[in-house]
Protein backbone atom coordinates (compact mmCIF):
# COMPACT_ATOMS: atom_id res chain seq x y z
CA UNK A 1 -7.11 -9.20 21.90
CA UNK A 2 -8.35 -5.49 22.13
CA UNK A 3 -8.59 -3.17 18.50
CA UNK A 4 -8.84 0.62 19.22
CA UNK A 5 -9.89 2.16 15.82
CA UNK A 6 -12.92 4.12 14.19
CA UNK A 7 -16.21 3.04 14.43
CA UNK A 8 -16.38 2.72 10.67
CA UNK A 9 -13.54 0.25 10.58
CA UNK A 10 -15.35 -2.49 12.13
CA UNK A 11 -17.58 -2.50 8.72
CA UNK A 12 -14.23 -2.66 6.53
CA UNK A 13 -12.39 -5.10 8.76
CA UNK A 14 -14.69 -6.92 11.05
CA UNK A 15 -12.39 -6.60 14.17
CA UNK A 16 -15.24 -8.35 16.03
CA UNK A 17 -16.17 -10.83 13.64
CA UNK A 18 -12.56 -12.32 14.33
CA UNK A 19 -13.10 -12.66 18.24
CA UNK A 20 -11.19 -9.34 19.02
CA UNK A 21 -12.67 -6.91 21.64
CA UNK A 22 -13.33 -3.72 19.71
CA UNK A 23 -13.17 -0.37 21.31
CA UNK A 24 -14.05 2.73 18.84
CA UNK A 25 -12.23 5.59 18.96
CA UNK A 26 -12.64 9.11 17.45
CA UNK A 27 -10.64 9.83 14.44
CA UNK A 28 -7.30 11.41 15.61
CA UNK A 29 -8.31 15.14 15.30
CA UNK A 30 -10.65 14.45 17.94
CA UNK A 31 -9.13 15.23 21.63
CA UNK A 32 -11.74 12.68 23.29
CA UNK A 33 -9.77 9.99 21.55
CA UNK A 34 -6.68 9.88 24.05
CA UNK A 35 -8.94 9.55 26.74
CA UNK A 36 -10.64 6.41 24.63
CA UNK A 37 -7.17 5.05 24.63
CA UNK A 38 -6.23 5.46 27.74
CA UNK A 39 -8.93 3.61 29.58
CA UNK A 40 -8.82 0.92 27.02
CA UNK A 41 -4.76 0.35 27.27
CA UNK A 42 -4.81 0.82 30.95
CA UNK A 43 -4.90 -3.64 31.50
CA UNK A 44 -2.45 -4.10 28.41
CA UNK A 45 0.35 -5.94 28.34
CA UNK A 46 1.64 -4.59 25.13
CA UNK A 47 0.31 -1.69 22.88
CA UNK A 48 1.08 -2.37 18.99
CA UNK A 49 0.23 1.24 17.27
CA UNK A 50 0.23 1.28 13.24
CA UNK A 51 1.29 4.47 11.60
CA UNK A 52 2.75 7.84 12.86
CA UNK A 53 -0.38 9.28 14.28
CA UNK A 54 -1.63 6.03 15.68
CA UNK A 55 1.67 6.12 17.44
CA UNK A 56 1.89 9.55 18.81
CA UNK A 57 -1.94 8.95 20.09
CA UNK A 58 -0.64 5.70 21.62
CA UNK A 59 2.43 7.00 23.40
CA UNK A 60 0.47 10.26 24.74
CA UNK A 61 -2.20 7.51 26.09
CA UNK A 62 0.19 5.35 27.84
CA UNK A 63 1.97 8.48 29.34
CA UNK A 64 4.43 6.84 32.19
CA UNK A 65 2.85 3.42 32.09
CA UNK A 66 5.36 0.68 31.92
CA UNK A 67 3.91 -0.90 29.25
CA UNK A 68 5.77 -2.47 26.07
CA UNK A 69 4.92 -0.09 22.92
CA UNK A 70 5.25 -1.43 19.44
CA UNK A 71 5.07 0.74 16.35
CA UNK A 72 4.72 -0.32 12.81
CA UNK A 73 5.42 2.03 9.85
CA UNK A 74 4.03 0.89 6.66
CA UNK A 75 4.97 4.30 4.92
CA UNK A 76 7.02 7.54 5.09
CA UNK A 77 5.81 11.06 5.50
CA UNK A 78 5.53 13.53 2.32
CA UNK A 79 5.47 16.74 3.81
CA UNK A 80 7.61 19.43 3.34
CA UNK A 81 8.48 22.62 5.11
CA UNK A 82 7.10 23.79 8.49
CA UNK A 83 4.51 20.74 8.73
CA UNK A 84 7.78 18.32 7.20
CA UNK A 85 9.54 19.32 10.61
CA UNK A 86 6.88 18.81 12.76
CA UNK A 87 6.54 15.52 11.25
CA UNK A 88 9.97 14.32 11.82
CA UNK A 89 9.96 15.62 15.24
CA UNK A 90 7.08 13.66 15.68
CA UNK A 91 8.81 10.42 14.33
CA UNK A 92 12.02 10.97 16.52
CA UNK A 93 9.25 11.01 19.51
CA UNK A 94 7.33 7.90 18.42
CA UNK A 95 10.72 5.72 17.56
CA UNK A 96 12.58 6.68 20.83
CA UNK A 97 9.18 5.93 23.33
CA UNK A 98 8.64 2.70 21.20
CA UNK A 99 10.25 -0.82 22.25
CA UNK A 100 10.01 -1.97 19.10
CA UNK A 101 9.54 -0.59 15.69
CA UNK A 102 8.56 -2.51 12.61
CA UNK A 103 9.21 -1.07 9.28
CA UNK A 104 7.56 -3.30 6.75
CA UNK A 105 10.85 -2.41 4.41
CA UNK A 106 14.68 -1.71 4.95
CA UNK A 107 14.26 1.86 3.86
CA UNK A 108 12.00 2.64 6.83
CA UNK A 109 14.07 0.37 9.13
CA UNK A 110 17.46 2.33 8.59
CA UNK A 111 14.76 5.58 8.98
CA UNK A 112 13.47 4.42 11.97
CA UNK A 113 17.11 4.17 13.34
CA UNK A 114 18.10 7.71 12.40
CA UNK A 115 15.65 8.93 13.98
CA UNK A 116 16.42 7.42 17.47
CA UNK A 117 14.90 3.92 17.67
CA UNK A 118 16.41 1.79 20.31
CA UNK A 119 15.28 -1.30 18.48
CA UNK A 120 14.09 -1.20 14.88
CA UNK A 121 13.37 -4.19 12.45
CA UNK A 122 12.05 -5.41 9.41
CA UNK A 123 8.68 -6.69 9.38
CA UNK A 124 6.99 -7.26 5.99
CA UNK A 125 3.41 -7.45 5.52
CA UNK A 126 2.00 -9.28 2.82
CA UNK A 127 -1.51 -9.12 1.78
CA UNK A 128 -3.63 -12.41 1.31
CA UNK A 129 -3.25 -14.27 -1.77
CA UNK A 130 -5.25 -13.86 -4.34
CA UNK A 131 -7.99 -16.29 -5.46
CA UNK A 132 -6.47 -16.99 -8.73
CA UNK A 133 -8.87 -19.06 -10.53
CA UNK A 134 -11.85 -17.36 -9.31
CA UNK A 135 -10.46 -14.08 -10.41
CA UNK A 136 -9.10 -15.38 -13.79
CA UNK A 137 -12.96 -16.42 -14.36
CA UNK A 138 -14.06 -13.57 -13.91
CA UNK A 139 -11.22 -11.33 -15.83
CA UNK A 140 -13.36 -11.61 -19.33
CA UNK A 141 -16.51 -10.33 -17.80
CA UNK A 142 -13.90 -7.14 -16.15
CA UNK A 143 -12.88 -6.55 -19.68
CA UNK A 144 -16.13 -6.59 -21.35
CA UNK A 145 -17.90 -4.02 -18.51
CA UNK A 146 -14.44 -1.85 -19.22
CA UNK A 147 -15.13 -2.07 -22.70
CA UNK A 148 -11.69 -3.61 -23.37
CA UNK A 149 -11.98 -6.56 -25.15
CA UNK A 150 -10.49 -5.34 -28.52
CA UNK A 151 -7.91 -3.41 -26.57
CA UNK A 152 -5.03 -3.31 -24.64
CA UNK A 153 -5.94 -3.22 -20.73
CA UNK A 154 -3.56 -1.04 -18.05
CA UNK A 155 -4.65 -1.17 -14.26
CA UNK A 156 -3.89 0.99 -11.49
CA UNK A 157 -4.57 0.76 -8.01
CA UNK A 158 -4.89 2.96 -5.07
CA UNK A 159 -6.15 6.35 -3.62
CA UNK A 160 -6.46 9.45 -5.72
CA UNK A 161 -4.20 11.32 -3.70
CA UNK A 162 -0.78 13.57 -4.87
CA UNK A 163 2.19 10.79 -4.03
CA UNK A 164 0.17 8.23 -5.40
CA UNK A 165 1.63 9.75 -9.16
CA UNK A 166 -1.59 9.86 -11.24
CA UNK A 167 -0.69 13.12 -12.95
CA UNK A 168 2.54 11.22 -14.33
CA UNK A 169 0.13 8.45 -15.56
CA UNK A 170 -2.53 10.83 -17.34
CA UNK A 171 1.05 12.36 -18.90
CA UNK A 172 2.17 8.71 -20.14
CA UNK A 173 -1.42 8.10 -21.11
CA UNK A 174 -1.25 11.21 -23.60
CA UNK A 175 1.63 9.30 -25.58
CA UNK A 176 -0.55 6.03 -25.63
CA UNK A 177 -2.79 7.73 -28.01
CA UNK A 178 -0.24 7.00 -30.72
CA UNK A 179 -0.25 3.60 -29.94
CA UNK A 180 -2.88 1.20 -32.53
CA UNK A 181 -5.25 0.25 -30.77
CA UNK A 182 -4.77 2.81 -28.25
CA UNK A 183 -4.35 1.22 -24.48
CA UNK A 184 -7.23 1.86 -22.20
CA UNK A 185 -6.00 2.61 -18.31
CA UNK A 186 -8.41 1.73 -15.71
CA UNK A 187 -7.89 3.15 -12.29
CA UNK A 188 -9.81 1.58 -9.71
CA UNK A 189 -9.77 3.91 -6.38
CA UNK A 190 -11.31 7.42 -4.42
CA UNK A 191 -9.68 10.28 -3.36
CA UNK A 192 -9.50 14.02 -3.29
CA UNK A 193 -7.77 14.42 -6.80
CA UNK A 194 -10.83 12.74 -8.54
CA UNK A 195 -12.17 16.12 -9.81
CA UNK A 196 -8.79 16.98 -10.82
CA UNK A 197 -7.88 14.23 -12.91
CA UNK A 198 -11.41 13.74 -14.29
CA UNK A 199 -11.19 17.43 -15.62
CA UNK A 200 -7.82 16.38 -17.24
CA UNK A 201 -9.42 13.38 -18.87
CA UNK A 202 -12.33 14.83 -20.15
CA UNK A 203 -10.01 18.38 -21.47
CA UNK A 204 -7.33 16.26 -23.07
CA UNK A 205 -9.50 13.43 -24.07
CA UNK A 206 -7.37 11.03 -22.38
CA UNK A 207 -8.14 7.01 -22.45
CA UNK A 208 -8.74 6.57 -18.80
CA UNK A 209 -11.19 5.43 -16.63
CA UNK A 210 -11.63 6.44 -12.89
CA UNK A 211 -13.67 3.47 -11.41
CA UNK A 212 -14.08 4.94 -7.91
CA UNK A 213 -13.84 2.17 -4.92
CA UNK A 214 -14.12 -1.36 -6.55
CA UNK A 215 -14.76 -4.99 -4.52
CA UNK A 216 -13.07 -6.75 -7.41
CA UNK A 217 -10.14 -5.23 -7.37
CA UNK A 218 -8.34 -8.29 -7.93
CA UNK A 219 -10.81 -9.78 -11.00
CA UNK A 220 -9.83 -6.27 -12.94
CA UNK A 221 -5.98 -6.97 -12.25
CA UNK A 222 -6.48 -10.46 -13.53
CA UNK A 223 -8.18 -9.19 -16.55
CA UNK A 224 -5.02 -6.65 -17.38
CA UNK A 225 -2.28 -6.80 -20.15
CA UNK A 226 -0.19 -5.01 -18.13
CA UNK A 227 -0.43 -3.00 -13.97
CA UNK A 228 1.16 0.31 -13.57
CA UNK A 229 2.33 1.67 -10.30
CA UNK A 230 3.43 5.56 -10.58
CA UNK A 231 3.56 6.32 -6.75
CA UNK A 232 6.26 8.77 -5.16
CA UNK A 233 6.83 6.41 -2.81
CA UNK A 234 5.51 3.13 -1.63
CA UNK A 235 6.69 0.12 0.60
CA UNK A 236 5.03 -3.23 -0.01
CA UNK A 237 2.31 -1.98 -2.37
CA UNK A 238 -0.56 -3.82 -2.24
CA UNK A 239 -0.75 -3.65 -6.15
CA UNK A 240 2.96 -5.00 -6.80
CA UNK A 241 2.16 -7.98 -4.66
CA UNK A 242 -1.39 -8.94 -6.27
CA UNK A 243 0.05 -8.55 -9.80
CA UNK A 244 3.06 -10.55 -9.13
CA UNK A 245 0.88 -13.24 -7.72
CA UNK A 246 -1.23 -13.18 -10.34
CA UNK A 247 1.37 -13.66 -13.37
CA UNK A 248 0.45 -9.59 -14.70
CA UNK A 249 3.58 -7.48 -15.64
CA UNK A 250 3.90 -4.74 -13.51
CA UNK A 251 5.65 -1.69 -14.90
CA UNK A 252 6.26 0.04 -11.31
CA UNK A 253 8.22 3.36 -9.80
CA UNK A 254 12.09 2.68 -8.28
CA UNK A 255 11.02 4.44 -5.40
CA UNK A 256 10.68 3.10 -1.54
CA UNK A 257 10.71 -0.62 -0.53
CA UNK A 258 9.51 -1.68 -4.41
CA UNK A 259 12.88 -2.60 -5.42
CA UNK A 260 13.57 -4.96 -2.44
CA UNK A 261 9.79 -6.58 -3.23
CA UNK A 262 9.75 -7.01 -7.07
CA UNK A 263 13.38 -7.71 -7.50
CA UNK A 264 13.94 -8.80 -11.45
CA UNK A 265 10.25 -9.54 -11.63
CA UNK A 266 9.07 -6.15 -12.99
CA UNK A 267 10.34 -3.18 -15.43
CA UNK A 268 11.11 -0.14 -12.85
CA UNK A 269 11.05 3.46 -14.04
CA UNK A 270 12.16 6.64 -12.53
CA UNK A 271 9.42 8.67 -10.53
CA UNK A 272 7.80 11.28 -12.53
CA UNK A 273 9.27 10.53 -15.73
CA UNK A 274 5.73 9.94 -18.08
CA UNK A 275 8.14 9.29 -21.26
CA UNK A 276 9.93 6.19 -19.52
CA UNK A 277 6.47 4.93 -17.92
CA UNK A 278 4.89 5.37 -21.61
CA UNK A 279 7.81 3.65 -23.34
CA UNK A 280 8.50 0.90 -20.95
CA UNK A 281 4.31 0.04 -21.04
CA UNK A 282 4.81 0.20 -25.29
CA UNK A 283 7.67 -2.35 -24.87
CA UNK A 284 5.80 -5.02 -23.20
CA UNK A 285 2.63 -4.55 -25.14
CA UNK A 286 4.57 -4.97 -28.31
CA UNK A 287 6.54 -8.02 -27.12
CA UNK A 288 4.43 -11.08 -25.56
CA UNK A 289 7.30 -12.97 -24.65
CA UNK A 290 8.85 -10.57 -22.30
CA UNK A 291 5.47 -10.45 -20.58
CA UNK A 292 5.45 -14.23 -20.28
CA UNK A 293 8.67 -14.06 -18.70
CA UNK A 294 7.78 -11.46 -16.16
CA UNK A 295 4.59 -13.23 -15.26
CA UNK A 296 6.77 -16.19 -14.73
CA UNK A 297 9.24 -14.40 -12.79
CA UNK A 298 6.44 -12.17 -10.66
CA UNK A 299 5.08 -15.59 -9.80
CA UNK A 300 8.24 -17.01 -8.24
CA UNK A 301 9.63 -13.90 -6.83
CA UNK A 302 5.99 -14.25 -4.82
CA UNK A 303 6.81 -17.34 -3.49
CA UNK A 304 9.91 -15.60 -1.49
CA UNK A 305 7.61 -13.40 0.53
CA UNK A 306 6.62 -14.22 3.84
CA UNK A 307 3.29 -15.71 4.21
CA UNK A 308 0.27 -14.15 6.12
CA UNK A 309 0.78 -16.79 8.56
CA UNK A 310 4.67 -16.32 9.18
CA UNK A 311 3.96 -12.18 9.43
CA UNK A 312 1.50 -13.15 12.31
CA UNK A 313 4.22 -15.20 14.02
CA UNK A 314 6.58 -12.33 13.79
CA UNK A 315 4.45 -10.11 15.61
CA UNK A 316 3.75 -12.75 17.92
CA UNK A 317 7.08 -13.60 18.91
CA UNK A 318 7.95 -9.89 19.58
CA UNK A 319 5.08 -9.39 21.87
CA UNK A 320 6.14 -12.92 23.71
CA UNK A 321 9.86 -10.88 24.12
CA UNK A 322 8.59 -8.22 25.29
CA UNK A 323 5.94 -9.64 27.86
CA UNK A 324 8.87 -11.79 29.56
CA UNK A 325 6.79 -14.97 29.34
CA UNK A 326 3.83 -13.37 31.10
């Protein structure tokens, strides 16, 4: 197997360590990327592209080659206006060039079909199951580090980007100032909105800490009283998967694939509604029995998700199907 990606991603994911042949490819803004991909794909039996921009580049690299292209959509675009029209055109072009489109939630599968996909299927991707014992053992240490030993701890995880809904989370945190004791909201992640969010936190005196990138997210989640997912759109959010597996009560927006993922094992609120978000969290903090019920329901719901091995087996079966036994 050959993996093509920007060079720095091998450091994050260790493609070489898994036994894959790794070909560093420049970022999508670099025109050299298409040539590098064309060389890498020349002897391929199947090409699998993850995401819209990777799919466009893979299609251009393949050109007239009769190599099956598999596309996985993990998320959807959020752009409006002229950029939104361009991205929708790119979606149509890529799904029509693909032999199979795998959507990580039903909404993405339906979107691919509307764009003209010949074959669109549900391809849910599961994150690795957390090592619960280790995470729970480190939970007390995480709470102490954050200064949340005698106050509720709320955890959010994800890049500090506009579609993640952190503006709404800060609005809700202002309402939690009425709570006694005041909950601490900890956000693990980095991104272009950091300065804007930090300015609001400082100016308004909000009980929020931006933690930046962390490699102990599982321990932080295990320490939380409630996990919060305020996003504008998600398919199979890693935060939701980890929270339910750890038995951490989750309050999330009812968007994209989230309702399909969590079922009745989380409290769902409308996107952008700070009062609904604040009220849902406040109600859970005041109701230990409800939190315990959600914890049990979360673990039960997580047991219904495909395992990593099942996810891999589905993808390999698609490759076998397209290769015709080669």
